[in-house]
Amino acid sequence: MTCCGGEIAHGGNVDVSGARAEMTVIVDPPLDGVLLTEEIFAPLLPVITVDSLDAAISHIRRGPKPLAVYLFSSRRETQRRVLSEISNGSTVINHLMYQVIVPQLPFGGVGNSGMGTYHGKWGFETFSHRKSVVHKSIRPDPDMLYPPYTAFKEWLLRRVF
């Protein structure tokens, strides 16, 4: 059976009256199709077949930064490369979704996949605004605080501040 131009490897059943849909794994949908170019808000997991780690990294880097990367590999070198060569919101190695269920971990994206991080204190900090306020009296207002900065002024200001 096919869906979205790819082959359904698992799932695909939808119960509209019960408002339920099975997790559906779709193998090799078209790279320019809606499943890979729009944000997914459904239990759909597109799987793209690649020939090598280089091809996978190259494919990911050509598009917008992903919200999450899930890597299944016991090879330390593969893990290191994915962590260092792909910019994304979060990475999970050898499991799925742990970054969402652990409240001590920040969750959020980079660029188009979202701004900020959420969960626990991270969410509080993301949705809070820290406002810097500097209040200085008008006097005294020594000239030494303003440019031009001589070597002596810089030395003195570094000692004081």
N, C-alpha and C. Protein backbone atom coordinates (compact mmCIF):
# COMPACT_ATOMS: atom_id res chain seq x y z
N MET A 1 0.84 -1.16 0.00
CA MET A 1 0.00 0.00 0.00
C MET A 1 0.90 1.24 0.00
N THR A 2 0.44 2.30 -0.63
CA THR A 2 1.23 3.53 -0.71
C THR A 2 0.49 4.69 -0.06
N CYS A 3 1.26 5.70 0.28
CA CYS A 3 0.71 6.93 0.85
C CYS A 3 1.69 8.05 0.57
N CYS A 4 1.19 9.17 0.15
CA CYS A 4 2.03 10.36 -0.06
C CYS A 4 3.19 10.07 -1.01
N GLY A 5 3.03 9.12 -1.92
CA GLY A 5 4.07 8.79 -2.88
C GLY A 5 5.11 7.81 -2.38
N GLY A 6 4.98 7.35 -1.12
CA GLY A 6 5.91 6.38 -0.56
C GLY A 6 5.19 5.09 -0.21
N GLU A 7 5.96 4.10 0.20
CA GLU A 7 5.41 2.79 0.55
C GLU A 7 5.13 2.75 2.05
N ILE A 8 3.90 2.32 2.43
CA ILE A 8 3.57 2.19 3.85
C ILE A 8 4.20 0.90 4.37
N ALA A 9 5.11 1.05 5.33
CA ALA A 9 5.78 -0.11 5.92
C ALA A 9 5.08 -0.58 7.19
N HIS A 10 4.30 0.32 7.81
CA HIS A 10 3.60 -0.04 9.04
C HIS A 10 2.43 0.91 9.22
N GLY A 11 1.31 0.41 9.73
CA GLY A 11 0.17 1.26 10.06
C GLY A 11 -0.64 1.65 8.85
N GLY A 12 -1.22 2.83 8.92
CA GLY A 12 -2.00 3.35 7.81
C GLY A 12 -3.50 3.35 8.05
N ASN A 13 -3.95 2.72 9.13
CA ASN A 13 -5.39 2.68 9.40
C ASN A 13 -5.84 3.93 10.14
N VAL A 14 -7.00 4.46 9.71
CA VAL A 14 -7.58 5.66 10.31
C VAL A 14 -9.03 5.38 10.67
N ASP A 15 -9.40 5.72 11.90
CA ASP A 15 -10.79 5.60 12.36
C ASP A 15 -11.30 7.02 12.56
N VAL A 16 -11.98 7.57 11.55
CA VAL A 16 -12.43 8.95 11.60
C VAL A 16 -13.45 9.16 12.71
N SER A 17 -14.41 8.26 12.84
CA SER A 17 -15.45 8.41 13.86
C SER A 17 -14.87 8.34 15.27
N GLY A 18 -13.84 7.55 15.47
CA GLY A 18 -13.19 7.44 16.78
C GLY A 18 -12.05 8.43 16.95
N ALA A 19 -11.79 9.24 15.94
CA ALA A 19 -10.71 10.24 15.96
C ALA A 19 -9.37 9.59 16.33
N ARG A 20 -9.07 8.48 15.65
CA ARG A 20 -7.81 7.76 15.91
C ARG A 20 -7.13 7.44 14.57
N ALA A 21 -5.80 7.49 14.63
CA ALA A 21 -5.01 7.09 13.47
C ALA A 21 -3.79 6.32 13.96
N GLU A 22 -3.48 5.24 13.29
CA GLU A 22 -2.31 4.45 13.65
C GLU A 22 -1.02 5.19 13.30
N MET A 23 0.00 4.92 14.07
CA MET A 23 1.33 5.39 13.69
C MET A 23 1.64 4.76 12.34
N THR A 24 2.00 5.57 11.38
CA THR A 24 2.23 5.09 10.02
C THR A 24 3.65 5.43 9.57
N VAL A 25 4.39 4.41 9.18
CA VAL A 25 5.74 4.57 8.68
C VAL A 25 5.68 4.52 7.16
N ILE A 26 6.18 5.59 6.53
CA ILE A 26 6.15 5.70 5.07
C ILE A 26 7.58 5.76 4.56
N VAL A 27 7.95 4.77 3.74
CA VAL A 27 9.32 4.66 3.24
C VAL A 27 9.45 5.35 1.89
N ASP A 28 10.46 6.19 1.79
CA ASP A 28 10.85 6.89 0.57
C ASP A 28 9.75 7.68 -0.13
N PRO A 29 9.08 8.60 0.63
CA PRO A 29 8.16 9.51 -0.05
C PRO A 29 8.99 10.48 -0.90
N PRO A 30 8.39 11.13 -1.90
CA PRO A 30 9.16 12.07 -2.73
C PRO A 30 9.77 13.19 -1.88
N LEU A 31 11.02 13.51 -2.17
CA LEU A 31 11.73 14.54 -1.40
C LEU A 31 11.08 15.91 -1.52
N ASP A 32 10.38 16.15 -2.62
CA ASP A 32 9.71 17.45 -2.79
C ASP A 32 8.22 17.37 -2.47
N GLY A 33 7.77 16.25 -1.93
CA GLY A 33 6.35 16.07 -1.59
C GLY A 33 5.99 16.75 -0.29
N VAL A 34 4.69 16.87 -0.05
CA VAL A 34 4.17 17.56 1.12
C VAL A 34 4.64 16.92 2.42
N LEU A 35 4.81 15.62 2.45
CA LEU A 35 5.22 14.94 3.68
C LEU A 35 6.60 15.37 4.15
N LEU A 36 7.45 15.76 3.22
CA LEU A 36 8.82 16.18 3.59
C LEU A 36 9.05 17.68 3.48
N THR A 37 8.05 18.42 3.04
CA THR A 37 8.25 19.87 2.91
C THR A 37 7.37 20.68 3.85
N GLU A 38 6.40 20.04 4.49
CA GLU A 38 5.52 20.71 5.43
C GLU A 38 5.70 20.10 6.82
N GLU A 39 5.35 20.87 7.83
CA GLU A 39 5.44 20.36 9.20
C GLU A 39 4.38 19.28 9.40
N ILE A 40 4.74 18.21 10.09
CA ILE A 40 3.85 17.07 10.27
C ILE A 40 3.18 17.15 11.64
N PHE A 41 1.84 17.19 11.66
CA PHE A 41 1.07 17.13 12.90
C PHE A 41 0.17 15.90 12.84
N ALA A 42 0.78 14.77 12.64
CA ALA A 42 0.05 13.51 12.53
C ALA A 42 1.01 12.39 12.89
N PRO A 43 0.46 11.20 13.16
CA PRO A 43 1.33 10.07 13.49
C PRO A 43 1.95 9.45 12.23
N LEU A 44 2.70 10.29 11.51
CA LEU A 44 3.36 9.85 10.28
C LEU A 44 4.87 9.95 10.46
N LEU A 45 5.57 8.90 10.09
CA LEU A 45 7.02 8.89 10.18
C LEU A 45 7.60 8.58 8.80
N PRO A 46 8.06 9.62 8.10
CA PRO A 46 8.70 9.35 6.81
C PRO A 46 10.11 8.80 7.04
N VAL A 47 10.49 7.81 6.26
CA VAL A 47 11.83 7.21 6.34
C VAL A 47 12.45 7.35 4.95
N ILE A 48 13.62 7.98 4.89
CA ILE A 48 14.32 8.19 3.64
C ILE A 48 15.49 7.22 3.58
N THR A 49 15.59 6.48 2.50
CA THR A 49 16.69 5.55 2.31
C THR A 49 17.89 6.30 1.75
N VAL A 50 19.05 6.13 2.38
CA VAL A 50 20.29 6.74 1.91
C VAL A 50 21.36 5.66 1.81
N ASP A 51 22.39 5.94 1.03
CA ASP A 51 23.45 4.96 0.81
C ASP A 51 24.57 5.02 1.83
N SER A 52 24.68 6.15 2.55
CA SER A 52 25.82 6.30 3.47
C SER A 52 25.51 7.38 4.51
N LEU A 53 26.34 7.44 5.53
CA LEU A 53 26.22 8.49 6.53
C LEU A 53 26.46 9.85 5.88
N ASP A 54 27.42 9.93 4.97
CA ASP A 54 27.68 11.19 4.27
C ASP A 54 26.43 11.67 3.55
N ALA A 55 25.74 10.75 2.87
CA ALA A 55 24.53 11.11 2.13
C ALA A 55 23.43 11.57 3.09
N ALA A 56 23.31 10.91 4.25
CA ALA A 56 22.30 11.30 5.23
C ALA A 56 22.57 12.70 5.77
N ILE A 57 23.81 12.96 6.15
CA ILE A 57 24.17 14.27 6.69
C ILE A 57 23.97 15.35 5.63
N SER A 58 24.37 15.06 4.42
CA SER A 58 24.20 16.01 3.32
C SER A 58 22.73 16.32 3.08
N HIS A 59 21.89 15.29 3.09
CA HIS A 59 20.45 15.47 2.88
C HIS A 59 19.87 16.37 3.98
N ILE A 60 20.21 16.11 5.22
CA ILE A 60 19.67 16.88 6.33
C ILE A 60 20.14 18.33 6.26
N ARG A 61 21.40 18.54 5.93
CA ARG A 61 21.95 19.90 5.89
C ARG A 61 21.42 20.73 4.74
N ARG A 62 20.87 20.09 3.70
CA ARG A 62 20.30 20.83 2.58
C ARG A 62 18.97 21.49 2.94
N GLY A 63 18.28 20.97 3.93
CA GLY A 63 16.98 21.50 4.30
C GLY A 63 17.05 22.37 5.53
N PRO A 64 15.88 22.78 6.03
CA PRO A 64 15.87 23.55 7.27
C PRO A 64 16.31 22.69 8.45
N LYS A 65 16.74 23.33 9.50
CA LYS A 65 17.25 22.59 10.66
C LYS A 65 16.10 21.82 11.32
N PRO A 66 16.31 20.53 11.56
CA PRO A 66 15.23 19.73 12.15
C PRO A 66 15.03 19.99 13.64
N LEU A 67 13.80 19.76 14.08
CA LEU A 67 13.50 19.87 15.50
C LEU A 67 14.25 18.80 16.29
N ALA A 68 14.29 17.58 15.75
CA ALA A 68 14.99 16.50 16.44
C ALA A 68 15.66 15.58 15.43
N VAL A 69 16.73 14.94 15.87
CA VAL A 69 17.42 13.91 15.09
C VAL A 69 17.47 12.66 15.95
N TYR A 70 17.05 11.55 15.37
CA TYR A 70 17.09 10.26 16.06
C TYR A 70 18.09 9.38 15.32
N LEU A 71 19.14 8.99 16.01
CA LEU A 71 20.20 8.18 15.42
C LEU A 71 20.24 6.83 16.10
N PHE A 72 20.27 5.79 15.29
CA PHE A 72 20.42 4.43 15.82
C PHE A 72 21.76 3.90 15.31
N SER A 73 22.75 3.92 16.19
CA SER A 73 24.08 3.44 15.83
C SER A 73 24.88 3.21 17.10
N SER A 74 25.64 2.11 17.14
CA SER A 74 26.53 1.87 18.28
C SER A 74 27.93 2.39 17.99
N ARG A 75 28.17 2.85 16.77
CA ARG A 75 29.50 3.34 16.40
C ARG A 75 29.72 4.75 16.95
N ARG A 76 30.72 4.92 17.79
CA ARG A 76 31.03 6.21 18.40
C ARG A 76 31.36 7.27 17.34
N GLU A 77 32.06 6.87 16.30
CA GLU A 77 32.43 7.81 15.25
C GLU A 77 31.18 8.34 14.54
N THR A 78 30.21 7.48 14.28
CA THR A 78 28.96 7.91 13.66
C THR A 78 28.22 8.87 14.58
N GLN A 79 28.14 8.55 15.85
CA GLN A 79 27.48 9.42 16.83
C GLN A 79 28.17 10.78 16.88
N ARG A 80 29.49 10.78 16.92
CA ARG A 80 30.24 12.03 16.98
C ARG A 80 29.98 12.90 15.76
N ARG A 81 29.98 12.27 14.58
CA ARG A 81 29.75 13.04 13.35
C ARG A 81 28.36 13.65 13.32
N VAL A 82 27.35 12.88 13.68
CA VAL A 82 25.99 13.40 13.67
C VAL A 82 25.87 14.56 14.65
N LEU A 83 26.42 14.42 15.84
CA LEU A 83 26.36 15.49 16.83
C LEU A 83 27.10 16.74 16.38
N SER A 84 28.22 16.57 15.71
CA SER A 84 29.02 17.74 15.35
C SER A 84 28.67 18.34 13.99
N GLU A 85 28.07 17.57 13.09
CA GLU A 85 27.83 18.06 11.73
C GLU A 85 26.39 18.46 11.44
N ILE A 86 25.47 18.19 12.37
CA ILE A 86 24.07 18.54 12.14
C ILE A 86 23.62 19.49 13.24
N SER A 87 23.05 20.62 12.84
CA SER A 87 22.49 21.58 13.79
C SER A 87 20.98 21.30 13.88
N ASN A 88 20.51 21.03 15.08
CA ASN A 88 19.11 20.70 15.29
C ASN A 88 18.71 21.01 16.72
N GLY A 89 17.42 20.87 17.01
CA GLY A 89 16.93 21.17 18.35
C GLY A 89 17.42 20.20 19.41
N SER A 90 17.26 18.91 19.17
CA SER A 90 17.72 17.90 20.12
C SER A 90 18.09 16.64 19.36
N THR A 91 18.94 15.82 19.98
CA THR A 91 19.37 14.56 19.37
C THR A 91 19.15 13.45 20.38
N VAL A 92 18.60 12.35 19.92
CA VAL A 92 18.44 11.16 20.75
C VAL A 92 19.16 10.03 20.04
N ILE A 93 20.04 9.36 20.76
CA ILE A 93 20.81 8.26 20.18
C ILE A 93 20.30 6.94 20.75
N ASN A 94 19.90 6.07 19.85
CA ASN A 94 19.43 4.71 20.16
C ASN A 94 18.14 4.65 20.97
N HIS A 95 17.31 5.64 20.79
CA HIS A 95 15.97 5.62 21.39
C HIS A 95 15.13 6.69 20.72
N LEU A 96 13.84 6.74 21.07
CA LEU A 96 12.94 7.75 20.53
C LEU A 96 12.28 8.55 21.64
N MET A 97 12.14 9.81 21.45
CA MET A 97 11.32 10.71 22.25
C MET A 97 11.79 10.96 23.69
N TYR A 98 12.91 10.44 24.11
CA TYR A 98 13.34 10.66 25.49
C TYR A 98 13.52 12.14 25.81
N GLN A 99 13.92 12.94 24.84
CA GLN A 99 14.14 14.35 25.11
C GLN A 99 12.84 15.06 25.46
N VAL A 100 11.71 14.49 25.10
CA VAL A 100 10.41 15.11 25.39
C VAL A 100 9.91 14.70 26.77
N ILE A 101 10.20 13.48 27.20
CA ILE A 101 9.62 12.98 28.46
C ILE A 101 10.48 13.26 29.68
N VAL A 102 11.69 13.75 29.51
CA VAL A 102 12.55 14.06 30.65
C VAL A 102 12.44 15.57 30.92
N PRO A 103 11.72 15.97 31.99
CA PRO A 103 11.48 17.40 32.21
C PRO A 103 12.74 18.21 32.50
N GLN A 104 13.83 17.56 32.90
CA GLN A 104 15.06 18.29 33.18
C GLN A 104 15.81 18.69 31.90
N LEU A 105 15.38 18.17 30.75
CA LEU A 105 16.03 18.52 29.49
C LEU A 105 15.27 19.62 28.78
N PRO A 106 15.98 20.59 28.21
CA PRO A 106 15.30 21.60 27.41
C PRO A 106 14.81 20.97 26.12
N PHE A 107 13.67 21.41 25.62
CA PHE A 107 13.16 20.92 24.34
C PHE A 107 12.77 22.12 23.51
N GLY A 108 13.27 22.16 22.31
CA GLY A 108 12.94 23.25 21.40
C GLY A 108 13.80 23.15 20.16
N GLY A 109 13.56 24.04 19.22
CA GLY A 109 14.22 23.95 17.94
C GLY A 109 15.24 25.04 17.70
N VAL A 110 15.73 25.03 16.47
CA VAL A 110 16.71 26.00 15.99
C VAL A 110 16.17 26.53 14.66
N GLY A 111 16.16 27.84 14.49
CA GLY A 111 15.70 28.40 13.22
C GLY A 111 14.22 28.12 12.98
N ASN A 112 13.89 27.60 11.80
CA ASN A 112 12.49 27.36 11.43
C ASN A 112 11.80 26.32 12.30
N SER A 113 12.55 25.46 12.98
CA SER A 113 11.91 24.42 13.79
C SER A 113 11.54 24.93 15.18
N GLY A 114 11.71 26.21 15.42
CA GLY A 114 11.27 26.79 16.68
C GLY A 114 12.33 27.61 17.36
N MET A 115 11.88 28.52 18.17
CA MET A 115 12.78 29.36 18.93
C MET A 115 12.59 29.08 20.41
N GLY A 116 13.66 29.02 21.13
CA GLY A 116 13.57 28.82 22.57
C GLY A 116 13.48 27.35 22.94
N THR A 117 13.41 27.13 24.24
CA THR A 117 13.31 25.76 24.74
C THR A 117 12.16 25.70 25.73
N TYR A 118 11.60 24.52 25.89
CA TYR A 118 10.42 24.33 26.71
C TYR A 118 10.65 23.18 27.66
N HIS A 119 9.79 23.03 28.65
CA HIS A 119 9.78 22.01 29.70
C HIS A 119 10.37 22.59 30.97
N GLY A 120 9.69 22.36 32.07
CA GLY A 120 10.20 22.74 33.38
C GLY A 120 10.73 24.16 33.43
N LYS A 121 11.87 24.33 34.08
CA LYS A 121 12.45 25.67 34.23
C LYS A 121 12.81 26.28 32.88
N TRP A 122 13.10 25.43 31.88
CA TRP A 122 13.47 25.95 30.56
C TRP A 122 12.29 26.71 29.95
N GLY A 123 11.09 26.15 30.08
CA GLY A 123 9.89 26.83 29.56
C GLY A 123 9.62 28.12 30.29
N PHE A 124 9.80 28.10 31.62
CA PHE A 124 9.61 29.32 32.40
C PHE A 124 10.57 30.40 31.92
N GLU A 125 11.83 30.03 31.70
CA GLU A 125 12.82 31.00 31.25
C GLU A 125 12.54 31.48 29.83
N THR A 126 12.08 30.57 28.96
CA THR A 126 11.78 30.97 27.58
C THR A 126 10.66 31.99 27.53
N PHE A 127 9.62 31.78 28.35
CA PHE A 127 8.46 32.66 28.29
C PHE A 127 8.52 33.79 29.31
N SER A 128 9.67 33.97 29.95
CA SER A 128 9.88 35.09 30.86
C SER A 128 10.81 36.08 30.19
N HIS A 129 10.64 37.32 30.52
CA HIS A 129 11.53 38.35 29.96
C HIS A 129 12.39 38.89 31.09
N ARG A 130 13.69 38.74 30.91
CA ARG A 130 14.62 39.33 31.87
C ARG A 130 14.98 40.71 31.37
N LYS A 131 14.72 41.66 32.17
CA LYS A 131 14.94 43.04 31.76
C LYS A 131 16.12 43.61 32.54
N SER A 132 17.12 44.06 31.81
CA SER A 132 18.27 44.70 32.45
C SER A 132 17.94 46.15 32.73
N VAL A 133 18.27 46.59 33.93
CA VAL A 133 18.06 47.99 34.29
C VAL A 133 19.35 48.49 34.93
N VAL A 134 19.88 49.57 34.40
CA VAL A 134 21.03 50.23 34.99
C VAL A 134 20.57 51.59 35.45
N HIS A 135 20.74 51.86 36.73
CA HIS A 135 20.33 53.15 37.27
C HIS A 135 21.55 53.80 37.91
N LYS A 136 21.94 54.93 37.36
CA LYS A 136 23.11 55.63 37.84
C LYS A 136 22.70 57.06 38.15
N SER A 137 23.19 57.55 39.25
CA SER A 137 22.86 58.94 39.57
C SER A 137 23.56 59.87 38.58
N ILE A 138 23.05 61.05 38.47
CA ILE A 138 23.59 62.02 37.52
C ILE A 138 24.98 62.49 37.93
N ARG A 139 25.21 62.62 39.21
CA ARG A 139 26.50 63.09 39.71
C ARG A 139 27.07 62.06 40.67
N PRO A 140 28.32 61.88 40.79
CA PRO A 140 29.35 62.40 39.89
C PRO A 140 29.33 61.64 38.56
N ASP A 141 29.80 62.30 37.54
CA ASP A 141 29.87 61.72 36.22
C ASP A 141 31.25 62.03 35.62
N PRO A 142 32.27 61.30 36.08
CA PRO A 142 33.64 61.64 35.67
C PRO A 142 33.89 61.39 34.19
N ASP A 143 34.70 62.26 33.59
CA ASP A 143 35.06 62.14 32.18
C ASP A 143 35.75 60.82 31.86
N MET A 144 36.38 60.23 32.86
CA MET A 144 37.14 59.00 32.63
C MET A 144 36.24 57.87 32.12
N LEU A 145 34.92 57.94 32.36
CA LEU A 145 34.00 56.89 31.92
C LEU A 145 33.69 56.94 30.43
N TYR A 146 34.11 57.99 29.76
CA TYR A 146 33.75 58.18 28.36
C TYR A 146 34.97 58.19 27.45
N PRO A 147 34.78 57.84 26.17
CA PRO A 147 35.90 57.87 25.22
C PRO A 147 36.39 59.29 25.03
N PRO A 148 37.58 59.41 24.51
CA PRO A 148 38.50 58.35 24.08
C PRO A 148 39.16 57.69 25.29
N TYR A 149 39.38 56.38 25.16
CA TYR A 149 39.99 55.61 26.24
C TYR A 149 41.49 55.52 26.01
N THR A 150 42.22 56.08 26.92
CA THR A 150 43.68 55.97 26.87
C THR A 150 44.07 54.68 27.59
N ALA A 151 45.32 54.31 27.47
CA ALA A 151 45.81 53.11 28.15
C ALA A 151 45.63 53.25 29.66
N PHE A 152 45.86 54.45 30.18
CA PHE A 152 45.69 54.68 31.62
C PHE A 152 44.23 54.54 32.04
N LYS A 153 43.30 55.16 31.26
CA LYS A 153 41.88 55.06 31.57
C LYS A 153 41.42 53.61 31.56
N GLU A 154 41.85 52.86 30.55
CA GLU A 154 41.46 51.46 30.44
C GLU A 154 41.99 50.67 31.64
N TRP A 155 43.23 50.92 32.01
CA TRP A 155 43.82 50.22 33.15
C TRP A 155 43.04 50.53 34.42
N LEU A 156 42.73 51.79 34.64
CA LEU A 156 42.02 52.21 35.84
C LEU A 156 40.59 51.66 35.86
N LEU A 157 39.89 51.73 34.76
CA LEU A 157 38.51 51.23 34.70
C LEU A 157 38.46 49.71 34.93
N ARG A 158 39.44 48.99 34.41
CA ARG A 158 39.47 47.54 34.63
C ARG A 158 39.69 47.22 36.12
N ARG A 159 40.43 48.08 36.82
CA ARG A 159 40.66 47.87 38.25
C ARG A 159 39.41 48.16 39.06
N VAL A 160 38.68 49.20 38.65
CA VAL A 160 37.51 49.63 39.41
C VAL A 160 36.30 48.75 39.10
N PHE A 161 36.10 48.44 37.82
CA PHE A 161 34.94 47.66 37.43
C PHE A 161 35.34 46.25 37.15
